[in-house]
Amino acid sequence: MTAAPTTPPKHARSGGWDNFQRKYAPYIFISPFFLLFFAFGLFPIIFNAYLSVHSWQPGSGLGDMEFVGLRNFTDNLTDPTFWLSLKNTAILAVESGLPQHLIAIPLAFAINMGLKRAQSFITAVYFLPYITSVVAISVIFFTLFSWQYGVLNAALNSLHHIPVLGVLFPGEKVNWLGERAFVQPSIAMVIVWRYVGWNMLLYLSGLQAIPGELYEAAAVDGATRSEQFRFITLPLLRPTIFLAVTLSLIGGFQLFEEPFILTNGGGGVGQAGLTTIMYMFRTYNAYSDAGVAAAMAWLLFIVIGALTIVNNLLFGRSGMGSNEAPR
């Protein structure tokens, strides 16, 4: 008795095309991402690391690079202007970052608890500055801060005519961008106005992930809104706070557009508005020292990394005050 001839499987008959589709086509489809990442992401990082240990002037050939080891790093660490720019950056990061979260968290809590009907409209209004052009925002605030004809000075002058407030606001014009004491608060004010809506949206998303039954049970037990915010909202909002503070740290130490435009690129009176990124740009563009600028970028990376680790210790899953049970 002869066995019936067996027919080969369909995928075997179709030849190498189906085999090619299964094995290689997915890699071809995702290859543009990796090519773009290598060209515009990985390669600049590698080249910047290579450049940080070489002396090179922009515009000259790559063959003119001279290996100098860690001299670029030591030049930065012994440069008083670098430390001044780092100090200014840290102050601006605190002055602009802390108010953002102190305003955004209660605002998001209020919108989530009592303004749900108008939630879409309110979030859109607060988020609008974030998607607005940085140059347009800075130019508008530059006009508001004008010493002679600025709206802010005009508003303070109008308060002078009110008997009670006249003591606090004597009517003298404030040179917001021309006095060292006001340069950093003025820049921080612009940054807070721009990013408070972004942080509010982050916290609102985190609040909406908290089960509503917890608030209902707390209300039944007689907890007030402030107690609910303190004992329910803040502990459960820790992952969102960690994300928002991390983004604020990274953005705060990379400030460039707002201080550059408001101080006309010069850093303001006494270089009070000079940030590290501005000084890096000046070192590369004006001083034509690409190696020192590259080393400055890595030093700033180390600072941001160290602060992120501290932030993780404070607000991360294993940070102080964590509600997780010990294992």
C-alpha atoms as a PDB file:
ATOM      1  CA  MET A   1       0.000   0.000   0.000  1.00  0.00           C
ATOM      2  CA  THR A   2       1.533   3.217  -1.139  1.00  0.00           C
ATOM      3  CA  ALA A   3       1.334   6.356   1.040  1.00  0.00           C
ATOM      4  CA  ALA A   4      -0.513   9.346  -0.334  1.00  0.00           C
ATOM      5  CA  PRO A   5       1.790  12.117  -1.528  1.00  0.00           C
ATOM      6  CA  THR A   6       2.041  14.925   0.995  1.00  0.00           C
ATOM      7  CA  THR A   7       1.811  18.526  -0.157  1.00  0.00           C
ATOM      8  CA  PRO A   8       4.369  20.954   1.272  1.00  0.00           C
ATOM      9  CA  PRO A   9       3.099  23.689   3.574  1.00  0.00           C
ATOM     10  CA  LYS A  10       1.957  26.888   1.995  1.00  0.00           C
ATOM     11  CA  HIS A  11       4.789  28.957   3.505  1.00  0.00           C
ATOM     12  CA  ALA A  12       7.299  26.435   2.153  1.00  0.00           C
ATOM     13  CA  ARG A  13       5.866  26.702  -1.365  1.00  0.00           C
ATOM     14  CA  SER A  14       5.857  30.492  -1.354  1.00  0.00           C
ATOM     15  CA  GLY A  15       9.622  30.555  -1.301  1.00  0.00           C
ATOM     16  CA  GLY A  16      11.929  33.147   0.187  1.00  0.00           C
ATOM     17  CA  TRP A  17       9.568  36.173  -0.029  1.00  0.00           C
ATOM     18  CA  ASP A  18       7.463  35.158   2.979  1.00  0.00           C
ATOM     19  CA  ASN A  19      10.614  34.217   4.837  1.00  0.00           C
ATOM     20  CA  PHE A  20      12.045  37.659   4.066  1.00  0.00           C
ATOM     21  CA  GLN A  21       8.852  39.375   5.255  1.00  0.00           C
ATOM     22  CA  ARG A  22       8.867  37.499   8.551  1.00  0.00           C
ATOM     23  CA  LYS A  23      12.554  37.889   9.331  1.00  0.00           C
ATOM     24  CA  TYR A  24      13.737  41.158   7.833  1.00  0.00           C
ATOM     25  CA  ALA A  25      10.774  43.406   6.972  1.00  0.00           C
ATOM     26  CA  PRO A  26      10.114  44.502  10.606  1.00  0.00           C
ATOM     27  CA  TYR A  27      13.728  45.652  10.949  1.00  0.00           C
ATOM     28  CA  ILE A  28      13.496  47.589   7.697  1.00  0.00           C
ATOM     29  CA  PHE A  29      10.357  49.400   8.883  1.00  0.00           C
ATOM     30  CA  ILE A  30      11.915  50.479  12.191  1.00  0.00           C
ATOM     31  CA  SER A  31      15.334  51.256  10.715  1.00  0.00           C
ATOM     32  CA  PRO A  32      14.515  54.951   9.936  1.00  0.00           C
ATOM     33  CA  PHE A  33      14.127  55.615  13.656  1.00  0.00           C
ATOM     34  CA  PHE A  34      17.503  54.101  14.499  1.00  0.00           C
ATOM     35  CA  LEU A  35      19.199  55.860  11.594  1.00  0.00           C
ATOM     36  CA  LEU A  36      17.799  59.233  12.692  1.00  0.00           C
ATOM     37  CA  PHE A  37      18.637  58.507  16.331  1.00  0.00           C
ATOM     38  CA  PHE A  38      22.209  57.641  15.435  1.00  0.00           C
ATOM     39  CA  ALA A  39      22.626  60.691  13.191  1.00  0.00           C
ATOM     40  CA  PHE A  40      20.986  63.296  15.447  1.00  0.00           C
ATOM     41  CA  GLY A  41      21.114  61.687  18.893  1.00  0.00           C
ATOM     42  CA  LEU A  42      23.922  59.218  19.489  1.00  0.00           C
ATOM     43  CA  PHE A  43      26.555  60.664  17.170  1.00  0.00           C
ATOM     44  CA  PRO A  44      26.403  64.214  18.655  1.00  0.00           C
ATOM     45  CA  ILE A  45      26.838  62.747  22.152  1.00  0.00           C
ATOM     46  CA  ILE A  46      29.847  60.674  21.092  1.00  0.00           C
ATOM     47  CA  PHE A  47      31.377  63.559  19.147  1.00  0.00           C
ATOM     48  CA  ASN A  48      30.798  65.933  22.080  1.00  0.00           C
ATOM     49  CA  ALA A  49      32.594  63.513  24.415  1.00  0.00           C
ATOM     50  CA  TYR A  50      35.468  63.271  21.930  1.00  0.00           C
ATOM     51  CA  LEU A  51      35.536  67.038  21.541  1.00  0.00           C
ATOM     52  CA  SER A  52      35.653  67.649  25.293  1.00  0.00           C
ATOM     53  CA  VAL A  53      39.205  66.261  25.486  1.00  0.00           C
ATOM     54  CA  HIS A  54      40.460  68.131  22.429  1.00  0.00           C
ATOM     55  CA  SER A  55      41.235  71.720  21.579  1.00  0.00           C
ATOM     56  CA  TRP A  56      39.417  72.796  18.429  1.00  0.00           C
ATOM     57  CA  GLN A  57      38.215  76.045  16.913  1.00  0.00           C
ATOM     58  CA  PRO A  58      34.880  75.940  15.036  1.00  0.00           C
ATOM     59  CA  GLY A  59      35.357  76.384  11.330  1.00  0.00           C
ATOM     60  CA  SER A  60      38.765  74.759  11.174  1.00  0.00           C
ATOM     61  CA  GLY A  61      39.239  71.279   9.828  1.00  0.00           C
ATOM     62  CA  LEU A  62      38.827  68.190  11.947  1.00  0.00           C
ATOM     63  CA  GLY A  63      42.496  67.483  11.432  1.00  0.00           C
ATOM     64  CA  ASP A  64      43.362  70.589  13.473  1.00  0.00           C
ATOM     65  CA  MET A  65      42.089  68.995  16.689  1.00  0.00           C
ATOM     66  CA  GLU A  66      44.685  68.728  19.422  1.00  0.00           C
ATOM     67  CA  PHE A  67      44.344  66.242  22.256  1.00  0.00           C
ATOM     68  CA  VAL A  68      44.534  68.068  25.606  1.00  0.00           C
ATOM     69  CA  GLY A  69      43.149  65.473  28.006  1.00  0.00           C
ATOM     70  CA  LEU A  70      41.274  66.957  30.943  1.00  0.00           C
ATOM     71  CA  ARG A  71      42.583  70.487  30.435  1.00  0.00           C
ATOM     72  CA  ASN A  72      39.197  71.695  29.157  1.00  0.00           C
ATOM     73  CA  PHE A  73      37.547  70.486  32.346  1.00  0.00           C
ATOM     74  CA  THR A  74      40.133  72.095  34.596  1.00  0.00           C
ATOM     75  CA  ASP A  75      39.831  75.348  32.630  1.00  0.00           C
ATOM     76  CA  ASN A  76      36.120  75.374  33.387  1.00  0.00           C
ATOM     77  CA  LEU A  77      36.547  74.460  37.040  1.00  0.00           C
ATOM     78  CA  THR A  78      39.044  77.294  37.518  1.00  0.00           C
ATOM     79  CA  ASP A  79      36.966  79.829  35.580  1.00  0.00           C
ATOM     80  CA  PRO A  80      35.084  82.246  37.905  1.00  0.00           C
ATOM     81  CA  THR A  81      32.573  83.052  35.160  1.00  0.00           C
ATOM     82  CA  PHE A  82      31.622  79.396  34.848  1.00  0.00           C
ATOM     83  CA  TRP A  83      30.891  79.188  38.572  1.00  0.00           C
ATOM     84  CA  LEU A  84      28.945  82.459  38.375  1.00  0.00           C
ATOM     85  CA  SER A  85      26.849  81.105  35.522  1.00  0.00           C
ATOM     86  CA  LEU A  86      26.237  77.859  37.421  1.00  0.00           C
ATOM     87  CA  LYS A  87      25.214  79.822  40.497  1.00  0.00           C
ATOM     88  CA  ASN A  88      22.839  81.990  38.446  1.00  0.00           C
ATOM     89  CA  THR A  89      21.380  78.883  36.828  1.00  0.00           C
ATOM     90  CA  ALA A  90      20.778  77.229  40.207  1.00  0.00           C
ATOM     91  CA  ILE A  91      19.114  80.362  41.596  1.00  0.00           C
ATOM     92  CA  LEU A  92      16.894  80.700  38.538  1.00  0.00           C
ATOM     93  CA  ALA A  93      16.021  76.998  38.708  1.00  0.00           C
ATOM     94  CA  VAL A  94      14.837  77.418  42.307  1.00  0.00           C
ATOM     95  CA  GLU A  95      13.111  80.771  41.799  1.00  0.00           C
ATOM     96  CA  SER A  96      11.254  79.527  38.738  1.00  0.00           C
ATOM     97  CA  GLY A  97      10.812  75.841  39.606  1.00  0.00           C
ATOM     98  CA  LEU A  98       9.533  76.035  43.178  1.00  0.00           C
ATOM     99  CA  PRO A  99       6.634  78.463  42.470  1.00  0.00           C
ATOM    100  CA  GLN A 100       5.578  76.349  39.501  1.00  0.00           C
ATOM    101  CA  HIS A 101       4.842  73.344  41.699  1.00  0.00           C
ATOM    102  CA  LEU A 102       3.472  75.336  44.639  1.00  0.00           C
ATOM    103  CA  ILE A 103       0.935  76.872  42.253  1.00  0.00           C
ATOM    104  CA  ALA A 104       0.311  73.871  39.996  1.00  0.00           C
ATOM    105  CA  ILE A 105      -0.469  71.256  42.686  1.00  0.00           C
ATOM    106  CA  PRO A 106      -3.264  73.176  44.526  1.00  0.00           C
ATOM    107  CA  LEU A 107      -4.575  74.457  41.189  1.00  0.00           C
ATOM    108  CA  ALA A 108      -4.817  70.948  39.768  1.00  0.00           C
ATOM    109  CA  PHE A 109      -6.463  69.747  42.999  1.00  0.00           C
ATOM    110  CA  ALA A 110      -9.061  72.537  42.818  1.00  0.00           C
ATOM    111  CA  ILE A 111      -9.841  71.834  39.158  1.00  0.00           C
ATOM    112  CA  ASN A 112     -10.116  68.097  39.775  1.00  0.00           C
ATOM    113  CA  MET A 113     -12.380  68.447  42.824  1.00  0.00           C
ATOM    114  CA  GLY A 114     -14.642  71.380  42.053  1.00  0.00           C
ATOM    115  CA  LEU A 115     -14.297  72.612  38.472  1.00  0.00           C
ATOM    116  CA  LYS A 116     -14.839  69.460  36.460  1.00  0.00           C
ATOM    117  CA  ARG A 117     -17.383  71.000  34.099  1.00  0.00           C
ATOM    118  CA  ALA A 118     -14.962  73.703  32.948  1.00  0.00           C
ATOM    119  CA  GLN A 119     -11.917  71.458  33.194  1.00  0.00           C
ATOM    120  CA  SER A 120     -11.180  71.326  29.466  1.00  0.00           C
ATOM    121  CA  PHE A 121     -11.426  75.091  29.023  1.00  0.00           C
ATOM    122  CA  ILE A 122      -9.342  75.922  32.095  1.00  0.00           C
ATOM    123  CA  THR A 123      -6.581  73.450  31.238  1.00  0.00           C
ATOM    124  CA  ALA A 124      -6.449  74.782  27.680  1.00  0.00           C
ATOM    125  CA  VAL A 125      -6.068  78.359  28.959  1.00  0.00           C
ATOM    126  CA  TYR A 126      -3.293  77.451  31.391  1.00  0.00           C
ATOM    127  CA  PHE A 127      -1.534  75.248  28.821  1.00  0.00           C
ATOM    128  CA  LEU A 128      -1.572  77.932  26.120  1.00  0.00           C
ATOM    129  CA  PRO A 129       1.663  79.695  27.267  1.00  0.00           C
ATOM    130  CA  TYR A 130       3.567  76.413  26.996  1.00  0.00           C
ATOM    131  CA  ILE A 131       2.825  76.040  23.273  1.00  0.00           C
ATOM    132  CA  THR A 132       3.390  79.723  22.523  1.00  0.00           C
ATOM    133  CA  SER A 133       6.653  80.792  20.912  1.00  0.00           C
ATOM    134  CA  VAL A 134       9.389  81.463  23.454  1.00  0.00           C
ATOM    135  CA  VAL A 135      10.579  84.474  21.471  1.00  0.00           C
ATOM    136  CA  ALA A 136       7.084  85.982  21.407  1.00  0.00           C
ATOM    137  CA  ILE A 137       6.663  85.452  25.158  1.00  0.00           C
ATOM    138  CA  SER A 138      10.048  86.975  25.948  1.00  0.00           C
ATOM    139  CA  VAL A 139       9.422  89.997  23.724  1.00  0.00           C
ATOM    140  CA  ILE A 140       6.030  90.596  25.353  1.00  0.00           C
ATOM    141  CA  PHE A 141       7.501  90.426  28.839  1.00  0.00           C
ATOM    142  CA  PHE A 142      10.396  92.611  27.738  1.00  0.00           C
ATOM    143  CA  THR A 143       7.777  95.241  26.920  1.00  0.00           C
ATOM    144  CA  LEU A 144       5.956  94.669  30.204  1.00  0.00           C
ATOM    145  CA  PHE A 145       9.210  95.131  32.135  1.00  0.00           C
ATOM    146  CA  SER A 146      10.080  98.364  30.335  1.00  0.00           C
ATOM    147  CA  TRP A 147      11.330 100.990  32.771  1.00  0.00           C
ATOM    148  CA  GLN A 148       9.683 104.056  31.242  1.00  0.00           C
ATOM    149  CA  TYR A 149       6.543 102.742  29.555  1.00  0.00           C
ATOM    150  CA  GLY A 150       6.096  99.224  30.917  1.00  0.00           C
ATOM    151  CA  VAL A 151       2.677  98.009  31.949  1.00  0.00           C
ATOM    152  CA  LEU A 152       4.026  96.550  35.191  1.00  0.00           C
ATOM    153  CA  ASN A 153       5.418  99.882  36.363  1.00  0.00           C
ATOM    154  CA  ALA A 154       2.192 101.586  35.330  1.00  0.00           C
ATOM    155  CA  ALA A 155       0.206  99.134  37.455  1.00  0.00           C
ATOM    156  CA  LEU A 156       2.458  99.685  40.455  1.00  0.00           C
ATOM    157  CA  ASN A 157       2.160 103.428  39.979  1.00  0.00           C
ATOM    158  CA  SER A 158      -1.646 103.172  40.052  1.00  0.00           C
ATOM    159  CA  LEU A 159      -1.451 101.413  43.427  1.00  0.00           C
ATOM    160  CA  HIS A 160       0.450 104.398  44.776  1.00  0.00           C
ATOM    161  CA  HIS A 161      -2.747 106.462  44.704  1.00  0.00           C
ATOM    162  CA  ILE A 162      -4.555 104.034  47.033  1.00  0.00           C
ATOM    163  CA  PRO A 163      -3.958 105.266  50.603  1.00  0.00           C
ATOM    164  CA  VAL A 164      -3.460 101.829  52.168  1.00  0.00           C
ATOM    165  CA  LEU A 165      -1.296 100.373  49.404  1.00  0.00           C
ATOM    166  CA  GLY A 166       0.642 103.598  48.868  1.00  0.00           C
ATOM    167  CA  VAL A 167       2.967 102.653  51.709  1.00  0.00           C
ATOM    168  CA  LEU A 168       3.953  99.366  50.046  1.00  0.00           C
ATOM    169  CA  PHE A 169       4.109 100.837  46.542  1.00  0.00           C
ATOM    170  CA  PRO A 170       5.564 104.349  46.776  1.00  0.00           C
ATOM    171  CA  GLY A 171       5.165 104.932  43.047  1.00  0.00           C
ATOM    172  CA  GLU A 172       8.841 104.768  42.100  1.00  0.00           C
ATOM    173  CA  LYS A 173       9.556 103.050  38.800  1.00  0.00           C
ATOM    174  CA  VAL A 174      11.440  99.784  39.014  1.00  0.00           C
ATOM    175  CA  ASN A 175      14.117  99.074  36.442  1.00  0.00           C
ATOM    176  CA  TRP A 176      13.304  95.376  36.244  1.00  0.00           C
ATOM    177  CA  LEU A 177      15.965  94.408  33.737  1.00  0.00           C
ATOM    178  CA  GLY A 178      18.430  97.176  34.576  1.00  0.00           C
ATOM    179  CA  GLU A 179      19.056  96.492  38.261  1.00  0.00           C
ATOM    180  CA  ARG A 180      20.909  93.432  39.466  1.00  0.00           C
ATOM    181  CA  ALA A 181      18.407  92.683  42.253  1.00  0.00           C
ATOM    182  CA  PHE A 182      15.478  92.410  39.812  1.00  0.00           C
ATOM    183  CA  VAL A 183      17.030  90.635  36.819  1.00  0.00           C
ATOM    184  CA  GLN A 184      16.691  87.083  38.129  1.00  0.00           C
ATOM    185  CA  PRO A 185      13.153  87.496  39.591  1.00  0.00           C
ATOM    186  CA  SER A 186      12.028  89.006  36.280  1.00  0.00           C
ATOM    187  CA  ILE A 187      13.375  86.041  34.302  1.00  0.00           C
ATOM    188  CA  ALA A 188      11.891  83.610  36.820  1.00  0.00           C
ATOM    189  CA  MET A 189       8.506  85.299  36.486  1.00  0.00           C
ATOM    190  CA  VAL A 190       8.473  84.623  32.748  1.00  0.00           C
ATOM    191  CA  ILE A 191       9.433  80.976  33.233  1.00  0.00           C
ATOM    192  CA  VAL A 192       6.790  80.428  35.929  1.00  0.00           C
ATOM    193  CA  TRP A 193       4.106  81.972  33.719  1.00  0.00           C
ATOM    194  CA  ARG A 194       5.099  79.714  30.830  1.00  0.00           C
ATOM    195  CA  TYR A 195       5.444  76.354  32.596  1.00  0.00           C
ATOM    196  CA  VAL A 196       2.889  76.430  35.417  1.00  0.00           C
ATOM    197  CA  GLY A 197       0.207  75.175  33.015  1.00  0.00           C
ATOM    198  CA  TRP A 198       2.387  72.262  31.907  1.00  0.00           C
ATOM    199  CA  ASN A 199       2.957  71.168  35.504  1.00  0.00           C
ATOM    200  CA  MET A 200      -0.699  71.677  36.336  1.00  0.00           C
ATOM    201  CA  LEU A 201      -1.619  69.315  33.496  1.00  0.00           C
ATOM    202  CA  LEU A 202       0.849  66.708  34.784  1.00  0.00           C
ATOM    203  CA  TYR A 203      -0.562  66.894  38.306  1.00  0.00           C
ATOM    204  CA  LEU A 204      -4.131  66.825  37.008  1.00  0.00           C
ATOM    205  CA  SER A 205      -3.366  63.585  35.171  1.00  0.00           C
ATOM    206  CA  GLY A 206      -1.888  62.145  38.367  1.00  0.00           C
ATOM    207  CA  LEU A 207      -4.922  63.232  40.402  1.00  0.00           C
ATOM    208  CA  GLN A 208      -7.337  61.609  37.974  1.00  0.00           C
ATOM    209  CA  ALA A 209      -5.511  58.303  38.508  1.00  0.00           C
ATOM    210  CA  ILE A 210      -6.318  58.383  42.248  1.00  0.00           C
ATOM    211  CA  PRO A 211      -9.484  56.367  43.006  1.00  0.00           C
ATOM    212  CA  GLY A 212     -12.402  58.604  43.941  1.00  0.00           C
ATOM    213  CA  GLU A 213     -13.522  56.123  46.593  1.00  0.00           C
ATOM    214  CA  LEU A 214     -10.658  57.275  48.807  1.00  0.00           C
ATOM    215  CA  TYR A 215     -11.981  60.826  48.888  1.00  0.00           C
ATOM    216  CA  GLU A 216     -15.531  59.584  49.466  1.00  0.00           C
ATOM    217  CA  ALA A 217     -14.436  57.441  52.402  1.00  0.00           C
ATOM    218  CA  ALA A 218     -12.421  60.333  53.837  1.00  0.00           C
ATOM    219  CA  ALA A 219     -15.421  62.653  53.506  1.00  0.00           C
ATOM    220  CA  VAL A 220     -17.607  60.134  55.340  1.00  0.00           C
ATOM    221  CA  ASP A 221     -15.042  60.045  58.141  1.00  0.00           C
ATOM    222  CA  GLY A 222     -15.248  63.825  58.398  1.00  0.00           C
ATOM    223  CA  ALA A 223     -12.007  64.786  56.664  1.00  0.00           C
ATOM    224  CA  THR A 224     -11.920  68.304  55.281  1.00  0.00           C
ATOM    225  CA  ARG A 225     -10.667  69.196  51.812  1.00  0.00           C
ATOM    226  CA  SER A 226      -7.333  70.336  53.229  1.00  0.00           C
ATOM    227  CA  GLU A 227      -6.953  67.067  55.150  1.00  0.00           C
ATOM    228  CA  GLN A 228      -7.824  65.068  52.027  1.00  0.00           C
ATOM    229  CA  PHE A 229      -5.207  67.015  50.118  1.00  0.00           C
ATOM    230  CA  ARG A 230      -2.575  66.437  52.795  1.00  0.00           C
ATOM    231  CA  PHE A 231      -3.148  62.775  53.656  1.00  0.00           C
ATOM    232  CA  ILE A 232      -4.477  61.361  50.366  1.00  0.00           C
ATOM    233  CA  THR A 233      -3.460  63.550  47.455  1.00  0.00           C
ATOM    234  CA  LEU A 234       0.158  64.337  48.299  1.00  0.00           C
ATOM    235  CA  PRO A 235       1.234  60.771  49.258  1.00  0.00           C
ATOM    236  CA  LEU A 236      -0.375  59.216  46.163  1.00  0.00           C
ATOM    237  CA  LEU A 237       0.955  61.971  43.934  1.00  0.00           C
ATOM    238  CA  ARG A 238       4.598  61.136  44.701  1.00  0.00           C
ATOM    239  CA  PRO A 239       5.378  59.486  41.311  1.00  0.00           C
ATOM    240  CA  THR A 240       3.935  62.476  39.461  1.00  0.00           C
ATOM    241  CA  ILE A 241       5.838  64.893  41.687  1.00  0.00           C
ATOM    242  CA  PHE A 242       9.033  62.975  40.965  1.00  0.00           C
ATOM    243  CA  LEU A 243       8.445  63.234  37.209  1.00  0.00           C
ATOM    244  CA  ALA A 244       7.492  66.921  37.322  1.00  0.00           C
ATOM    245  CA  VAL A 245      10.424  67.920  39.545  1.00  0.00           C
ATOM    246  CA  THR A 246      12.848  65.937  37.366  1.00  0.00           C
ATOM    247  CA  LEU A 247      11.621  67.728  34.258  1.00  0.00           C
ATOM    248  CA  SER A 248      11.882  71.069  36.075  1.00  0.00           C
ATOM    249  CA  LEU A 249      15.463  70.282  37.116  1.00  0.00           C
ATOM    250  CA  ILE A 250      16.479  69.396  33.578  1.00  0.00           C
ATOM    251  CA  GLY A 251      14.711  72.402  32.089  1.00  0.00           C
ATOM    252  CA  GLY A 252      15.872  74.761  34.831  1.00  0.00           C
ATOM    253  CA  PHE A 253      19.538  73.965  34.263  1.00  0.00           C
ATOM    254  CA  GLN A 254      19.117  74.302  30.496  1.00  0.00           C
ATOM    255  CA  LEU A 255      17.664  77.819  30.523  1.00  0.00           C
ATOM    256  CA  PHE A 256      18.682  79.779  27.466  1.00  0.00           C
ATOM    257  CA  GLU A 257      15.941  81.483  25.445  1.00  0.00           C
ATOM    258  CA  GLU A 258      14.231  83.558  28.140  1.00  0.00           C
ATOM    259  CA  PRO A 259      17.364  84.997  29.816  1.00  0.00           C
ATOM    260  CA  PHE A 260      19.109  85.428  26.462  1.00  0.00           C
ATOM    261  CA  ILE A 261      16.298  87.535  24.986  1.00  0.00           C
ATOM    262  CA  LEU A 262      15.460  89.483  28.148  1.00  0.00           C
ATOM    263  CA  THR A 263      19.113  90.440  28.699  1.00  0.00           C
ATOM    264  CA  ASN A 264      19.864  90.968  24.988  1.00  0.00           C
ATOM    265  CA  GLY A 265      22.350  88.118  25.115  1.00  0.00           C
ATOM    266  CA  GLY A 266      24.663  89.907  27.520  1.00  0.00           C
ATOM    267  CA  GLY A 267      23.552  88.386  30.814  1.00  0.00           C
ATOM    268  CA  GLY A 268      22.195  91.599  32.288  1.00  0.00           C
ATOM    269  CA  VAL A 269      23.659  93.887  34.931  1.00  0.00           C
ATOM    270  CA  GLY A 270      26.538  92.205  36.739  1.00  0.00           C
ATOM    271  CA  GLN A 271      25.949  89.072  34.600  1.00  0.00           C
ATOM    272  CA  ALA A 272      23.052  88.233  36.928  1.00  0.00           C
ATOM    273  CA  GLY A 273      21.112  86.634  34.077  1.00  0.00           C
ATOM    274  CA  LEU A 274      24.017  84.661  32.619  1.00  0.00           C
ATOM    275  CA  THR A 275      23.135  80.960  32.664  1.00  0.00           C
ATOM    276  CA  THR A 276      25.494  78.072  32.002  1.00  0.00           C
ATOM    277  CA  ILE A 277      23.963  77.366  28.592  1.00  0.00           C
ATOM    278  CA  MET A 278      24.372  81.043  27.668  1.00  0.00           C
ATOM    279  CA  TYR A 279      28.009  80.941  28.749  1.00  0.00           C
ATOM    280  CA  MET A 280      28.496  77.715  26.801  1.00  0.00           C
ATOM    281  CA  PHE A 281      27.054  79.389  23.711  1.00  0.00           C
ATOM    282  CA  ARG A 282      29.314  82.397  24.268  1.00  0.00           C
ATOM    283  CA  THR A 283      32.368  80.163  24.695  1.00  0.00           C
ATOM    284  CA  TYR A 284      31.654  78.342  21.449  1.00  0.00           C
ATOM    285  CA  ASN A 285      30.432  81.256  19.341  1.00  0.00           C
ATOM    286  CA  ALA A 286      32.333  84.296  20.614  1.00  0.00           C
ATOM    287  CA  TYR A 287      35.465  82.722  22.067  1.00  0.00           C
ATOM    288  CA  SER A 288      35.723  79.982  19.386  1.00  0.00           C
ATOM    289  CA  ASP A 289      36.673  77.349  21.936  1.00  0.00           C
ATOM    290  CA  ALA A 290      34.582  74.294  21.130  1.00  0.00           C
ATOM    291  CA  GLY A 291      36.523  71.963  23.425  1.00  0.00           C
ATOM    292  CA  VAL A 292      35.900  74.044  26.546  1.00  0.00           C
ATOM    293  CA  ALA A 293      32.225  74.410  25.583  1.00  0.00           C
ATOM    294  CA  ALA A 294      31.912  70.631  25.161  1.00  0.00           C
ATOM    295  CA  ALA A 295      33.537  70.024  28.545  1.00  0.00           C
ATOM    296  CA  MET A 296      31.127  72.550  30.062  1.00  0.00           C
ATOM    297  CA  ALA A 297      28.220  70.534  28.687  1.00  0.00           C
ATOM    298  CA  TRP A 298      29.493  67.387  30.425  1.00  0.00           C
ATOM    299  CA  LEU A 299      30.008  69.218  33.713  1.00  0.00           C
ATOM    300  CA  LEU A 300      26.425  70.451  33.493  1.00  0.00           C
ATOM    301  CA  PHE A 301      25.320  66.891  32.756  1.00  0.00           C
ATOM    302  CA  ILE A 302      27.047  65.718  35.942  1.00  0.00           C
ATOM    303  CA  VAL A 303      25.291  68.425  37.975  1.00  0.00           C
ATOM    304  CA  ILE A 304      21.878  67.526  36.550  1.00  0.00           C
ATOM    305  CA  GLY A 305      22.535  63.814  37.126  1.00  0.00           C
ATOM    306  CA  ALA A 306      23.510  64.399  40.764  1.00  0.00           C
ATOM    307  CA  LEU A 307      20.412  66.513  41.410  1.00  0.00           C
ATOM    308  CA  THR A 308      18.233  63.875  39.746  1.00  0.00           C
ATOM    309  CA  ILE A 309      19.644  61.256  42.113  1.00  0.00           C
ATOM    310  CA  VAL A 310      18.817  63.509  45.080  1.00  0.00           C
ATOM    311  CA  ASN A 311      15.331  64.013  43.684  1.00  0.00           C
ATOM    312  CA  ASN A 312      14.948  60.242  43.373  1.00  0.00           C
ATOM    313  CA  LEU A 313      15.929  59.836  47.020  1.00  0.00           C
ATOM    314  CA  LEU A 314      13.291  62.377  48.038  1.00  0.00           C
ATOM    315  CA  PHE A 315      10.368  61.510  45.783  1.00  0.00           C
ATOM    316  CA  GLY A 316      11.220  58.145  44.230  1.00  0.00           C
ATOM    317  CA  ARG A 317       9.642  54.856  45.180  1.00  0.00           C
ATOM    318  CA  SER A 318      12.251  54.211  47.850  1.00  0.00           C
ATOM    319  CA  GLY A 319      12.556  57.840  48.906  1.00  0.00           C
ATOM    320  CA  MET A 320      11.942  59.397  52.268  1.00  0.00           C
ATOM    321  CA  GLY A 321       8.390  59.031  53.468  1.00  0.00           C
ATOM    322  CA  SER A 322       7.581  56.174  51.129  1.00  0.00           C
ATOM    323  CA  ASN A 323       4.368  54.374  51.968  1.00  0.00           C
ATOM    324  CA  GLU A 324       5.574  51.009  50.692  1.00  0.00           C
ATOM    325  CA  ALA A 325       5.768  48.218  53.212  1.00  0.00           C
ATOM    326  CA  PRO A 326       9.273  46.966  54.024  1.00  0.00           C
ATOM    327  CA  ARG A 327      10.283  43.797  52.229  1.00  0.00           C
END
